[in-house]
Amino acid sequence: QVQLVESGGGLVQPGGSLRLSCAASGSIFSILAMGWYRQAPGKQRELVAAITAAGITNYADSMKGRFTISRDNAKNTAYMHMNSLKPEDTAVYYCVADSWAAITTRLAPRYWGQGTQVTVAS
């Protein structure tokens, strides 16, 4: 089993930055891919970014160049740095863990965090 706990969300002005963290418990963290999904009010949940255990990354087109996903396997923690935030980035952000295919293709990862709210507003 893997448990995921997100932190770092909050209120930020347009153009600002935030860093989300995802602390994982469980000995298999280092072999799982990690990712971030988000869900805005009235919209479907969408994949934001994913990273393999070896550090290969993938991003949704609208996040490329603004968001950076990373991980520290020694700390069992994944991160997402978000820059140049826009009001349309407002959503609940969820950390996920599973195989690469489950996260990026099937869009059905097994392990989810509880979510952290990010609000971009002036």
PDB file of N, CA and C in Angstrom:
ATOM      1  N   GLN A   1       0.837  -1.197   0.000  1.00  0.00           N
ATOM      2  CA  GLN A   1       0.000   0.000   0.000  1.00  0.00           C
ATOM      3  C   GLN A   1       0.871   1.245   0.000  1.00  0.00           C
ATOM      4  N   VAL A   2       0.377   2.264  -0.623  1.00  0.00           N
ATOM      5  CA  VAL A   2       1.058   3.558  -0.657  1.00  0.00           C
ATOM      6  C   VAL A   2       0.062   4.619  -0.199  1.00  0.00           C
ATOM      7  N   GLN A   3       0.489   5.452   0.714  1.00  0.00           N
ATOM      8  CA  GLN A   3      -0.329   6.585   1.145  1.00  0.00           C
ATOM      9  C   GLN A   3       0.361   7.866   0.714  1.00  0.00           C
ATOM     10  N   LEU A   4      -0.436   8.800   0.229  1.00  0.00           N
ATOM     11  CA  LEU A   4       0.092  10.051  -0.317  1.00  0.00           C
ATOM     12  C   LEU A   4      -0.538  11.235   0.414  1.00  0.00           C
ATOM     13  N   VAL A   5       0.289  12.199   0.802  1.00  0.00           N
ATOM     14  CA  VAL A   5      -0.202  13.387   1.485  1.00  0.00           C
ATOM     15  C   VAL A   5       0.366  14.618   0.790  1.00  0.00           C
ATOM     16  N   GLU A   6      -0.535  15.435   0.241  1.00  0.00           N
ATOM     17  CA  GLU A   6      -0.104  16.645  -0.451  1.00  0.00           C
ATOM     18  C   GLU A   6      -0.034  17.828   0.510  1.00  0.00           C
ATOM     19  N   SER A   7       0.778  18.799   0.141  1.00  0.00           N
ATOM     20  CA  SER A   7       0.835  20.064   0.858  1.00  0.00           C
ATOM     21  C   SER A   7       1.335  21.141  -0.095  1.00  0.00           C
ATOM     22  N   GLY A   8       1.172  22.400   0.318  1.00  0.00           N
ATOM     23  CA  GLY A   8       1.718  23.502  -0.467  1.00  0.00           C
ATOM     24  C   GLY A   8       0.717  24.306  -1.258  1.00  0.00           C
ATOM     25  N   GLY A   9      -0.550  23.898  -1.242  1.00  0.00           N
ATOM     26  CA  GLY A   9      -1.545  24.677  -1.957  1.00  0.00           C
ATOM     27  C   GLY A   9      -1.843  25.985  -1.241  1.00  0.00           C
ATOM     28  N   GLY A  10      -2.658  26.813  -1.877  1.00  0.00           N
ATOM     29  CA  GLY A  10      -3.024  28.077  -1.250  1.00  0.00           C
ATOM     30  C   GLY A  10      -3.506  29.081  -2.270  1.00  0.00           C
ATOM     31  N   LEU A  11      -3.574  30.324  -1.830  1.00  0.00           N
ATOM     32  CA  LEU A  11      -4.019  31.429  -2.682  1.00  0.00           C
ATOM     33  C   LEU A  11      -2.796  32.173  -3.203  1.00  0.00           C
ATOM     34  N   VAL A  12      -2.788  32.413  -4.503  1.00  0.00           N
ATOM     35  CA  VAL A  12      -1.665  33.123  -5.123  1.00  0.00           C
ATOM     36  C   VAL A  12      -2.212  34.051  -6.195  1.00  0.00           C
ATOM     37  N   GLN A  13      -1.527  35.149  -6.410  1.00  0.00           N
ATOM     38  CA  GLN A  13      -1.951  36.100  -7.444  1.00  0.00           C
ATOM     39  C   GLN A  13      -1.559  35.606  -8.833  1.00  0.00           C
ATOM     40  N   PRO A  14      -2.279  36.031  -9.852  1.00  0.00           N
ATOM     41  CA  PRO A  14      -1.876  35.678 -11.221  1.00  0.00           C
ATOM     42  C   PRO A  14      -0.428  36.068 -11.480  1.00  0.00           C
ATOM     43  N   GLY A  15       0.288  35.155 -12.129  1.00  0.00           N
ATOM     44  CA  GLY A  15       1.708  35.375 -12.382  1.00  0.00           C
ATOM     45  C   GLY A  15       2.610  34.859 -11.286  1.00  0.00           C
ATOM     46  N   GLY A  16       2.022  34.464 -10.168  1.00  0.00           N
ATOM     47  CA  GLY A  16       2.803  33.985  -9.040  1.00  0.00           C
ATOM     48  C   GLY A  16       3.207  32.522  -9.175  1.00  0.00           C
ATOM     49  N   SER A  17       3.838  32.021  -8.104  1.00  0.00           N
ATOM     50  CA  SER A  17       4.365  30.658  -8.101  1.00  0.00           C
ATOM     51  C   SER A  17       3.955  29.929  -6.824  1.00  0.00           C
ATOM     52  N   LEU A  18       3.894  28.622  -6.927  1.00  0.00           N
ATOM     53  CA  LEU A  18       3.668  27.751  -5.783  1.00  0.00           C
ATOM     54  C   LEU A  18       4.457  26.474  -5.985  1.00  0.00           C
ATOM     55  N   ARG A  19       4.793  25.816  -4.882  1.00  0.00           N
ATOM     56  CA  ARG A  19       5.380  24.489  -4.956  1.00  0.00           C
ATOM     57  C   ARG A  19       4.517  23.518  -4.157  1.00  0.00           C
ATOM     58  N   LEU A  20       4.038  22.505  -4.842  1.00  0.00           N
ATOM     59  CA  LEU A  20       3.289  21.442  -4.184  1.00  0.00           C
ATOM     60  C   LEU A  20       4.238  20.304  -3.829  1.00  0.00           C
ATOM     61  N   SER A  21       3.985  19.689  -2.680  1.00  0.00           N
ATOM     62  CA  SER A  21       4.762  18.528  -2.257  1.00  0.00           C
ATOM     63  C   SER A  21       3.822  17.352  -2.046  1.00  0.00           C
ATOM     64  N   CYS A  22       4.358  16.163  -2.236  1.00  0.00           N
ATOM     65  CA  CYS A  22       3.593  14.934  -2.028  1.00  0.00           C
ATOM     66  C   CYS A  22       4.480  13.952  -1.293  1.00  0.00           C
ATOM     67  N   ALA A  23       4.176  13.746  -0.026  1.00  0.00           N
ATOM     68  CA  ALA A  23       4.940  12.813   0.794  1.00  0.00           C
ATOM     69  C   ALA A  23       4.285  11.444   0.726  1.00  0.00           C
ATOM     70  N   ALA A  24       5.071  10.435   0.427  1.00  0.00           N
ATOM     71  CA  ALA A  24       4.548   9.083   0.253  1.00  0.00           C
ATOM     72  C   ALA A  24       5.074   8.153   1.332  1.00  0.00           C
ATOM     73  N   SER A  25       4.226   7.262   1.781  1.00  0.00           N
ATOM     74  CA  SER A  25       4.651   6.202   2.680  1.00  0.00           C
ATOM     75  C   SER A  25       4.580   4.887   1.917  1.00  0.00           C
ATOM     76  N   GLY A  26       5.423   3.942   2.310  1.00  0.00           N
ATOM     77  CA  GLY A  26       5.418   2.663   1.607  1.00  0.00           C
ATOM     78  C   GLY A  26       6.751   2.415   0.928  1.00  0.00           C
ATOM     79  N   SER A  27       7.209   1.202   1.010  1.00  0.00           N
ATOM     80  CA  SER A  27       8.540   0.874   0.530  1.00  0.00           C
ATOM     81  C   SER A  27       8.638   0.817  -0.988  1.00  0.00           C
ATOM     82  N   ILE A  28       7.511   0.820  -1.697  1.00  0.00           N
ATOM     83  CA  ILE A  28       7.578   0.693  -3.150  1.00  0.00           C
ATOM     84  C   ILE A  28       7.582   2.030  -3.853  1.00  0.00           C
ATOM     85  N   PHE A  29       7.669   3.115  -3.091  1.00  0.00           N
ATOM     86  CA  PHE A  29       7.633   4.444  -3.698  1.00  0.00           C
ATOM     87  C   PHE A  29       8.664   4.580  -4.804  1.00  0.00           C
ATOM     88  N   SER A  30       9.865   4.086  -4.564  1.00  0.00           N
ATOM     89  CA  SER A  30      10.965   4.340  -5.486  1.00  0.00           C
ATOM     90  C   SER A  30      10.788   3.643  -6.831  1.00  0.00           C
ATOM     91  N   ILE A  31       9.868   2.686  -6.934  1.00  0.00           N
ATOM     92  CA  ILE A  31       9.688   2.001  -8.203  1.00  0.00           C
ATOM     93  C   ILE A  31       8.401   2.418  -8.909  1.00  0.00           C
ATOM     94  N   LEU A  32       7.643   3.289  -8.301  1.00  0.00           N
ATOM     95  CA  LEU A  32       6.399   3.735  -8.904  1.00  0.00           C
ATOM     96  C   LEU A  32       6.593   5.042  -9.659  1.00  0.00           C
ATOM     97  N   ALA A  33       5.799   5.205 -10.705  1.00  0.00           N
ATOM     98  CA  ALA A  33       5.694   6.520 -11.315  1.00  0.00           C
ATOM     99  C   ALA A  33       4.803   7.388 -10.423  1.00  0.00           C
ATOM    100  N   MET A  34       5.012   8.692 -10.499  1.00  0.00           N
ATOM    101  CA  MET A  34       4.219   9.649  -9.735  1.00  0.00           C
ATOM    102  C   MET A  34       3.600  10.651 -10.696  1.00  0.00           C
ATOM    103  N   GLY A  35       2.555  11.281 -10.237  1.00  0.00           N
ATOM    104  CA  GLY A  35       1.936  12.273 -11.107  1.00  0.00           C
ATOM    105  C   GLY A  35       1.067  13.225 -10.324  1.00  0.00           C
ATOM    106  N   TRP A  36       0.606  14.238 -11.026  1.00  0.00           N
ATOM    107  CA  TRP A  36      -0.342  15.194 -10.472  1.00  0.00           C
ATOM    108  C   TRP A  36      -1.521  15.325 -11.441  1.00  0.00           C
ATOM    109  N   TYR A  37      -2.711  15.225 -10.875  1.00  0.00           N
ATOM    110  CA  TYR A  37      -3.938  15.520 -11.594  1.00  0.00           C
ATOM    111  C   TYR A  37      -4.542  16.769 -10.962  1.00  0.00           C
ATOM    112  N   ARG A  38      -5.471  17.378 -11.668  1.00  0.00           N
ATOM    113  CA  ARG A  38      -6.219  18.469 -11.068  1.00  0.00           C
ATOM    114  C   ARG A  38      -7.668  18.430 -11.523  1.00  0.00           C
ATOM    115  N   GLN A  39      -8.528  19.024 -10.703  1.00  0.00           N
ATOM    116  CA  GLN A  39      -9.941  19.120 -11.050  1.00  0.00           C
ATOM    117  C   GLN A  39     -10.460  20.484 -10.648  1.00  0.00           C
ATOM    118  N   ALA A  40     -10.918  21.208 -11.639  1.00  0.00           N
ATOM    119  CA  ALA A  40     -11.511  22.518 -11.412  1.00  0.00           C
ATOM    120  C   ALA A  40     -13.025  22.366 -11.267  1.00  0.00           C
ATOM    121  N   PRO A  41     -13.667  23.307 -10.604  1.00  0.00           N
ATOM    122  CA  PRO A  41     -15.128  23.225 -10.428  1.00  0.00           C
ATOM    123  C   PRO A  41     -15.852  23.100 -11.766  1.00  0.00           C
ATOM    124  N   GLY A  42     -16.725  22.098 -11.859  1.00  0.00           N
ATOM    125  CA  GLY A  42     -17.507  21.910 -13.066  1.00  0.00           C
ATOM    126  C   GLY A  42     -16.755  21.303 -14.229  1.00  0.00           C
ATOM    127  N   LYS A  43     -15.513  20.890 -13.997  1.00  0.00           N
ATOM    128  CA  LYS A  43     -14.710  20.319 -15.089  1.00  0.00           C
ATOM    129  C   LYS A  43     -14.250  18.910 -14.732  1.00  0.00           C
ATOM    130  N   GLN A  44     -13.874  18.169 -15.755  1.00  0.00           N
ATOM    131  CA  GLN A  44     -13.350  16.826 -15.528  1.00  0.00           C
ATOM    132  C   GLN A  44     -11.937  16.898 -14.964  1.00  0.00           C
ATOM    133  N   ARG A  45     -11.592  15.870 -14.233  1.00  0.00           N
ATOM    134  CA  ARG A  45     -10.236  15.772 -13.721  1.00  0.00           C
ATOM    135  C   ARG A  45      -9.281  15.559 -14.888  1.00  0.00           C
ATOM    136  N   GLU A  46      -8.105  16.192 -14.840  1.00  0.00           N
ATOM    137  CA  GLU A  46      -7.151  16.085 -15.943  1.00  0.00           C
ATOM    138  C   GLU A  46      -5.747  15.836 -15.411  1.00  0.00           C
ATOM    139  N   LEU A  47      -4.966  15.140 -16.219  1.00  0.00           N
ATOM    140  CA  LEU A  47      -3.570  14.893 -15.888  1.00  0.00           C
ATOM    141  C   LEU A  47      -2.777  16.171 -16.113  1.00  0.00           C
ATOM    142  N   VAL A  48      -1.963  16.518 -15.135  1.00  0.00           N
ATOM    143  CA  VAL A  48      -1.115  17.705 -15.227  1.00  0.00           C
ATOM    144  C   VAL A  48       0.298  17.312 -15.648  1.00  0.00           C
ATOM    145  N   ALA A  49       0.887  16.371 -14.926  1.00  0.00           N
ATOM    146  CA  ALA A  49       2.269  15.980 -15.188  1.00  0.00           C
ATOM    147  C   ALA A  49       2.520  14.629 -14.549  1.00  0.00           C
ATOM    148  N   ALA A  50       3.554  13.937 -15.048  1.00  0.00           N
ATOM    149  CA  ALA A  50       3.930  12.645 -14.488  1.00  0.00           C
ATOM    150  C   ALA A  50       5.439  12.490 -14.572  1.00  0.00           C
ATOM    151  N   ILE A  51       5.985  11.626 -13.709  1.00  0.00           N
ATOM    152  CA  ILE A  51       7.422  11.385 -13.676  1.00  0.00           C
ATOM    153  C   ILE A  51       7.667   9.924 -13.334  1.00  0.00           C
ATOM    154  N   THR A  52       8.571   9.293 -14.071  1.00  0.00           N
ATOM    155  CA  THR A  52       8.913   7.907 -13.771  1.00  0.00           C
ATOM    156  C   THR A  52       9.874   7.840 -12.588  1.00  0.00           C
ATOM    157  N   ALA A  53      10.135   6.629 -12.121  1.00  0.00           N
ATOM    158  CA  ALA A  53      11.087   6.454 -11.027  1.00  0.00           C
ATOM    159  C   ALA A  53      12.475   6.950 -11.428  1.00  0.00           C
ATOM    160  N   ALA A  54      12.789   6.882 -12.711  1.00  0.00           N
ATOM    161  CA  ALA A  54      14.104   7.308 -13.201  1.00  0.00           C
ATOM    162  C   ALA A  54      14.155   8.786 -13.546  1.00  0.00           C
ATOM    163  N   GLY A  55      13.014   9.467 -13.458  1.00  0.00           N
ATOM    164  CA  GLY A  55      13.017  10.904 -13.690  1.00  0.00           C
ATOM    165  C   GLY A  55      12.553  11.367 -15.058  1.00  0.00           C
ATOM    166  N   ILE A  56      12.025  10.474 -15.864  1.00  0.00           N
ATOM    167  CA  ILE A  56      11.470  10.880 -17.159  1.00  0.00           C
ATOM    168  C   ILE A  56      10.125  11.531 -16.913  1.00  0.00           C
ATOM    169  N   THR A  57       9.886  12.651 -17.583  1.00  0.00           N
ATOM    170  CA  THR A  57       8.685  13.439 -17.296  1.00  0.00           C
ATOM    171  C   THR A  57       7.777  13.584 -18.507  1.00  0.00           C
ATOM    172  N   ASN A  58       6.539  13.906 -18.212  1.00  0.00           N
ATOM    173  CA  ASN A  58       5.546  14.164 -19.247  1.00  0.00           C
ATOM    174  C   ASN A  58       4.609  15.236 -18.712  1.00  0.00           C
ATOM    175  N   TYR A  59       4.198  16.167 -19.578  1.00  0.00           N
ATOM    176  CA  TYR A  59       3.346  17.274 -19.161  1.00  0.00           C
ATOM    177  C   TYR A  59       2.170  17.444 -20.115  1.00  0.00           C
ATOM    178  N   ALA A  60       1.058  17.902 -19.571  1.00  0.00           N
ATOM    179  CA  ALA A  60      -0.032  18.347 -20.418  1.00  0.00           C
ATOM    180  C   ALA A  60       0.427  19.601 -21.165  1.00  0.00           C
ATOM    181  N   ASP A  61      -0.074  19.778 -22.365  1.00  0.00           N
ATOM    182  CA  ASP A  61       0.413  20.868 -23.224  1.00  0.00           C
ATOM    183  C   ASP A  61       0.289  22.239 -22.559  1.00  0.00           C
ATOM    184  N   SER A  62      -0.805  22.465 -21.859  1.00  0.00           N
ATOM    185  CA  SER A  62      -1.037  23.791 -21.288  1.00  0.00           C
ATOM    186  C   SER A  62      -0.125  24.094 -20.106  1.00  0.00           C
ATOM    187  N   MET A  63       0.577  23.074 -19.609  1.00  0.00           N
ATOM    188  CA  MET A  63       1.468  23.260 -18.468  1.00  0.00           C
ATOM    189  C   MET A  63       2.936  23.300 -18.866  1.00  0.00           C
ATOM    190  N   LYS A  64       3.238  22.906 -20.081  1.00  0.00           N
ATOM    191  CA  LYS A  64       4.633  22.867 -20.509  1.00  0.00           C
ATOM    192  C   LYS A  64       5.264  24.249 -20.414  1.00  0.00           C
ATOM    193  N   GLY A  65       6.446  24.284 -19.822  1.00  0.00           N
ATOM    194  CA  GLY A  65       7.159  25.544 -19.672  1.00  0.00           C
ATOM    195  C   GLY A  65       6.790  26.319 -18.423  1.00  0.00           C
ATOM    196  N   ARG A  66       5.689  25.962 -17.785  1.00  0.00           N
ATOM    197  CA  ARG A  66       5.278  26.667 -16.571  1.00  0.00           C
ATOM    198  C   ARG A  66       5.392  25.784 -15.330  1.00  0.00           C
ATOM    199  N   PHE A  67       5.107  24.484 -15.478  1.00  0.00           N
ATOM    200  CA  PHE A  67       5.132  23.558 -14.356  1.00  0.00           C
ATOM    201  C   PHE A  67       6.326  22.625 -14.499  1.00  0.00           C
ATOM    202  N   THR A  68       6.904  22.248 -13.363  1.00  0.00           N
ATOM    203  CA  THR A  68       8.011  21.295 -13.349  1.00  0.00           C
ATOM    204  C   THR A  68       7.760  20.257 -12.276  1.00  0.00           C
ATOM    205  N   ILE A  69       7.719  19.001 -12.689  1.00  0.00           N
ATOM    206  CA  ILE A  69       7.552  17.910 -11.741  1.00  0.00           C
ATOM    207  C   ILE A  69       8.916  17.319 -11.425  1.00  0.00           C
ATOM    208  N   SER A  70       9.113  16.927 -10.181  1.00  0.00           N
ATOM    209  CA  SER A  70      10.379  16.319  -9.771  1.00  0.00           C
ATOM    210  C   SER A  70      10.097  15.364  -8.620  1.00  0.00           C
ATOM    211  N   ARG A  71      11.108  14.607  -8.236  1.00  0.00           N
ATOM    212  CA  ARG A  71      10.961  13.689  -7.118  1.00  0.00           C
ATOM    213  C   ARG A  71      12.306  13.478  -6.457  1.00  0.00           C
ATOM    214  N   ASP A  72      12.223  13.139  -5.168  1.00  0.00           N
ATOM    215  CA  ASP A  72      13.393  12.780  -4.385  1.00  0.00           C
ATOM    216  C   ASP A  72      13.105  11.406  -3.792  1.00  0.00           C
ATOM    217  N   ASN A  73      13.645  10.374  -4.397  1.00  0.00           N
ATOM    218  CA  ASN A  73      13.344   9.018  -3.946  1.00  0.00           C
ATOM    219  C   ASN A  73      13.872   8.759  -2.537  1.00  0.00           C
ATOM    220  N   ALA A  74      14.954   9.409  -2.149  1.00  0.00           N
ATOM    221  CA  ALA A  74      15.496   9.220  -0.812  1.00  0.00           C
ATOM    222  C   ALA A  74      14.545   9.757   0.257  1.00  0.00           C
ATOM    223  N   LYS A  75      13.744  10.759  -0.123  1.00  0.00           N
ATOM    224  CA  LYS A  75      12.791  11.364   0.820  1.00  0.00           C
ATOM    225  C   LYS A  75      11.364  10.883   0.582  1.00  0.00           C
ATOM    226  N   ASN A  76      11.182   9.987  -0.372  1.00  0.00           N
ATOM    227  CA  ASN A  76       9.827   9.517  -0.704  1.00  0.00           C
ATOM    228  C   ASN A  76       8.886  10.685  -0.970  1.00  0.00           C
ATOM    229  N   THR A  77       9.358  11.649  -1.719  1.00  0.00           N
ATOM    230  CA  THR A  77       8.583  12.860  -1.948  1.00  0.00           C
ATOM    231  C   THR A  77       8.638  13.269  -3.407  1.00  0.00           C
ATOM    232  N   ALA A  78       7.481  13.696  -3.906  1.00  0.00           N
ATOM    233  CA  ALA A  78       7.395  14.274  -5.240  1.00  0.00           C
ATOM    234  C   ALA A  78       7.009  15.743  -5.114  1.00  0.00           C
ATOM    235  N   TYR A  79       7.376  16.516  -6.104  1.00  0.00           N
ATOM    236  CA  TYR A  79       7.122  17.952  -6.073  1.00  0.00           C
ATOM    237  C   TYR A  79       6.563  18.414  -7.411  1.00  0.00           C
ATOM    238  N   MET A  80       5.889  19.548  -7.354  1.00  0.00           N
ATOM    239  CA  MET A  80       5.537  20.227  -8.590  1.00  0.00           C
ATOM    240  C   MET A  80       5.681  21.729  -8.374  1.00  0.00           C
ATOM    241  N   HIS A  81       6.615  22.305  -9.098  1.00  0.00           N
ATOM    242  CA  HIS A  81       6.797  23.743  -9.084  1.00  0.00           C
ATOM    243  C   HIS A  81       5.909  24.341 -10.168  1.00  0.00           C
ATOM    244  N   MET A  82       5.110  25.323  -9.777  1.00  0.00           N
ATOM    245  CA  MET A  82       4.172  25.950 -10.706  1.00  0.00           C
ATOM    246  C   MET A  82       4.502  27.436 -10.803  1.00  0.00           C
ATOM    247  N   ASN A  83       4.834  27.883 -11.991  1.00  0.00           N
ATOM    248  CA  ASN A  83       5.170  29.279 -12.237  1.00  0.00           C
ATOM    249  C   ASN A  83       4.154  29.906 -13.181  1.00  0.00           C
ATOM    250  N   SER A  84       4.164  31.225 -13.237  1.00  0.00           N
ATOM    251  CA  SER A  84       3.285  31.976 -14.146  1.00  0.00           C
ATOM    252  C   SER A  84       1.841  31.490 -14.043  1.00  0.00           C
ATOM    253  N   LEU A  85       1.384  31.366 -12.814  1.00  0.00           N
ATOM    254  CA  LEU A  85       0.047  30.818 -12.593  1.00  0.00           C
ATOM    255  C   LEU A  85      -1.043  31.736 -13.132  1.00  0.00           C
ATOM    256  N   LYS A  86      -2.094  31.102 -13.639  1.00  0.00           N
ATOM    257  CA  LYS A  86      -3.219  31.814 -14.247  1.00  0.00           C
ATOM    258  C   LYS A  86      -4.496  31.469 -13.479  1.00  0.00           C
ATOM    259  N   PRO A  87      -5.502  32.318 -13.561  1.00  0.00           N
ATOM    260  CA  PRO A  87      -6.772  31.988 -12.877  1.00  0.00           C
ATOM    261  C   PRO A  87      -7.325  30.627 -13.305  1.00  0.00           C
ATOM    262  N   GLU A  88      -7.103  30.238 -14.543  1.00  0.00           N
ATOM    263  CA  GLU A  88      -7.610  28.940 -15.002  1.00  0.00           C
ATOM    264  C   GLU A  88      -6.847  27.756 -14.420  1.00  0.00           C
ATOM    265  N   ASP A  89      -5.774  28.014 -13.691  1.00  0.00           N
ATOM    266  CA  ASP A  89      -5.071  26.943 -12.975  1.00  0.00           C
ATOM    267  C   ASP A  89      -5.731  26.638 -11.632  1.00  0.00           C
ATOM    268  N   THR A  90      -6.715  27.423 -11.256  1.00  0.00           N
ATOM    269  CA  THR A  90      -7.433  27.186 -10.005  1.00  0.00           C
ATOM    270  C   THR A  90      -8.111  25.828 -10.040  1.00  0.00           C
ATOM    271  N   ALA A  91      -7.799  24.993  -9.054  1.00  0.00           N
ATOM    272  CA  ALA A  91      -8.320  23.625  -9.017  1.00  0.00           C
ATOM    273  C   ALA A  91      -7.848  22.952  -7.735  1.00  0.00           C
ATOM    274  N   VAL A  92      -8.405  21.770  -7.469  1.00  0.00           N
ATOM    275  CA  VAL A  92      -7.843  20.890  -6.458  1.00  0.00           C
ATOM    276  C   VAL A  92      -6.810  20.009  -7.159  1.00  0.00           C
ATOM    277  N   TYR A  93      -5.618  19.972  -6.621  1.00  0.00           N
ATOM    278  CA  TYR A  93      -4.523  19.210  -7.207  1.00  0.00           C
ATOM    279  C   TYR A  93      -4.305  17.932  -6.391  1.00  0.00           C
ATOM    280  N   TYR A  94      -4.253  16.819  -7.116  1.00  0.00           N
ATOM    281  CA  TYR A  94      -4.104  15.513  -6.479  1.00  0.00           C
ATOM    282  C   TYR A  94      -2.783  14.872  -6.888  1.00  0.00           C
ATOM    283  N   CYS A  95      -2.090  14.340  -5.918  1.00  0.00           N
ATOM    284  CA  CYS A  95      -0.898  13.531  -6.166  1.00  0.00           C
ATOM    285  C   CYS A  95      -1.344  12.090  -6.389  1.00  0.00           C
ATOM    286  N   VAL A  96      -0.703  11.418  -7.345  1.00  0.00           N
ATOM    287  CA  VAL A  96      -1.042  10.022  -7.630  1.00  0.00           C
ATOM    288  C   VAL A  96       0.227   9.202  -7.773  1.00  0.00           C
ATOM    289  N   ALA A  97       0.079   7.887  -7.624  1.00  0.00           N
ATOM    290  CA  ALA A  97       1.189   6.967  -7.808  1.00  0.00           C
ATOM    291  C   ALA A  97       0.677   5.649  -8.383  1.00  0.00           C
ATOM    292  N   ASP A  98       1.448   5.100  -9.294  1.00  0.00           N
ATOM    293  CA  ASP A  98       1.119   3.804  -9.911  1.00  0.00           C
ATOM    294  C   ASP A  98       2.121   3.572 -11.043  1.00  0.00           C
ATOM    295  N   SER A  99       1.797   2.688 -11.960  1.00  0.00           N
ATOM    296  CA  SER A  99       2.649   2.497 -13.132  1.00  0.00           C
ATOM    297  C   SER A  99       2.510   3.689 -14.082  1.00  0.00           C
ATOM    298  N   TRP A 100       3.467   3.837 -14.971  1.00  0.00           N
ATOM    299  CA  TRP A 100       3.423   4.918 -15.957  1.00  0.00           C
ATOM    300  C   TRP A 100       2.167   4.825 -16.813  1.00  0.00           C
ATOM    301  N   ALA A 101       1.840   3.636 -17.244  1.00  0.00           N
ATOM    302  CA  ALA A 101       0.659   3.460 -18.098  1.00  0.00           C
ATOM    303  C   ALA A 101      -0.619   3.807 -17.356  1.00  0.00           C
ATOM    304  N   ALA A 102      -0.710   3.428 -16.102  1.00  0.00           N
ATOM    305  CA  ALA A 102      -1.918   3.721 -15.327  1.00  0.00           C
ATOM    306  C   ALA A 102      -2.113   5.223 -15.179  1.00  0.00           C
ATOM    307  N   ILE A 103      -1.015   5.941 -14.994  1.00  0.00           N
ATOM    308  CA  ILE A 103      -1.104   7.378 -14.779  1.00  0.00           C
ATOM    309  C   ILE A 103      -1.320   8.132 -16.084  1.00  0.00           C
ATOM    310  N   THR A 104      -0.593   7.781 -17.130  1.00  0.00           N
ATOM    311  CA  THR A 104      -0.586   8.611 -18.333  1.00  0.00           C
ATOM    312  C   THR A 104      -1.456   8.097 -19.473  1.00  0.00           C
ATOM    313  N   THR A 105      -1.783   6.797 -19.471  1.00  0.00           N
ATOM    314  CA  THR A 105      -2.569   6.235 -20.580  1.00  0.00           C
ATOM    315  C   THR A 105      -3.966   5.825 -20.121  1.00  0.00           C
ATOM    316  N   ARG A 106      -4.018   4.974 -19.112  1.00  0.00           N
ATOM    317  CA  ARG A 106      -5.332   4.544 -18.621  1.00  0.00           C
ATOM    318  C   ARG A 106      -6.006   5.620 -17.788  1.00  0.00           C
ATOM    319  N   LEU A 107      -5.223   6.570 -17.291  1.00  0.00           N
ATOM    320  CA  LEU A 107      -5.747   7.662 -16.452  1.00  0.00           C
ATOM    321  C   LEU A 107      -6.519   7.103 -15.271  1.00  0.00           C
ATOM    322  N   ALA A 108      -5.989   6.050 -14.695  1.00  0.00           N
ATOM    323  CA  ALA A 108      -6.656   5.407 -13.557  1.00  0.00           C
ATOM    324  C   ALA A 108      -5.619   4.883 -12.574  1.00  0.00           C
ATOM    325  N   PRO A 109      -4.847   5.773 -11.978  1.00  0.00           N
ATOM    326  CA  PRO A 109      -3.875   5.321 -10.984  1.00  0.00           C
ATOM    327  C   PRO A 109      -4.555   4.790  -9.731  1.00  0.00           C
ATOM    328  N   ARG A 110      -3.880   3.842  -9.073  1.00  0.00           N
ATOM    329  CA  ARG A 110      -4.466   3.217  -7.880  1.00  0.00           C
ATOM    330  C   ARG A 110      -4.403   4.104  -6.653  1.00  0.00           C
ATOM    331  N   TYR A 111      -3.324   4.858  -6.537  1.00  0.00           N
ATOM    332  CA  TYR A 111      -3.087   5.565  -5.285  1.00  0.00           C
ATOM    333  C   TYR A 111      -3.283   7.072  -5.483  1.00  0.00           C
ATOM    334  N   TRP A 112      -4.069   7.662  -4.582  1.00  0.00           N
ATOM    335  CA  TRP A 112      -4.413   9.084  -4.649  1.00  0.00           C
ATOM    336  C   TRP A 112      -4.200   9.739  -3.304  1.00  0.00           C
ATOM    337  N   GLY A 113      -3.752  10.985  -3.330  1.00  0.00           N
ATOM    338  CA  GLY A 113      -3.752  11.792  -2.133  1.00  0.00           C
ATOM    339  C   GLY A 113      -5.120  12.415  -1.931  1.00  0.00           C
ATOM    340  N   GLN A 114      -5.253  13.188  -0.859  1.00  0.00           N
ATOM    341  CA  GLN A 114      -6.545  13.776  -0.522  1.00  0.00           C
ATOM    342  C   GLN A 114      -6.820  15.062  -1.302  1.00  0.00           C
ATOM    343  N   GLY A 115      -5.801  15.602  -1.918  1.00  0.00           N
ATOM    344  CA  GLY A 115      -5.952  16.817  -2.709  1.00  0.00           C
ATOM    345  C   GLY A 115      -5.582  18.068  -1.935  1.00  0.00           C
ATOM    346  N   THR A 116      -5.090  19.068  -2.667  1.00  0.00           N
ATOM    347  CA  THR A 116      -4.774  20.361  -2.076  1.00  0.00           C
ATOM    348  C   THR A 116      -5.298  21.446  -3.002  1.00  0.00           C
ATOM    349  N   GLN A 117      -5.944  22.451  -2.418  1.00  0.00           N
ATOM    350  CA  GLN A 117      -6.573  23.504  -3.206  1.00  0.00           C
ATOM    351  C   GLN A 117      -5.545  24.546  -3.631  1.00  0.00           C
ATOM    352  N   VAL A 118      -5.573  24.875  -4.915  1.00  0.00           N
ATOM    353  CA  VAL A 118      -4.781  25.986  -5.448  1.00  0.00           C
ATOM    354  C   VAL A 118      -5.761  26.991  -6.037  1.00  0.00           C
ATOM    355  N   THR A 119      -5.679  28.218  -5.560  1.00  0.00           N
ATOM    356  CA  THR A 119      -6.553  29.279  -6.051  1.00  0.00           C
ATOM    357  C   THR A 119      -5.694  30.417  -6.569  1.00  0.00           C
ATOM    358  N   VAL A 120      -5.922  30.782  -7.826  1.00  0.00           N
ATOM    359  CA  VAL A 120      -5.170  31.874  -8.453  1.00  0.00           C
ATOM    360  C   VAL A 120      -6.134  33.030  -8.677  1.00  0.00           C
ATOM    361  N   ALA A 121      -5.956  34.091  -7.911  1.00  0.00           N
ATOM    362  CA  ALA A 121      -6.872  35.226  -7.980  1.00  0.00           C
ATOM    363  C   ALA A 121      -6.173  36.465  -7.451  1.00  0.00           C
ATOM    364  N   SER A 122      -6.600  37.617  -7.962  1.00  0.00           N
ATOM    365  CA  SER A 122      -5.995  38.869  -7.491  1.00  0.00           C
ATOM    366  C   SER A 122      -6.794  39.452  -6.345  1.00  0.00           C
TER     367      SER A 122
END
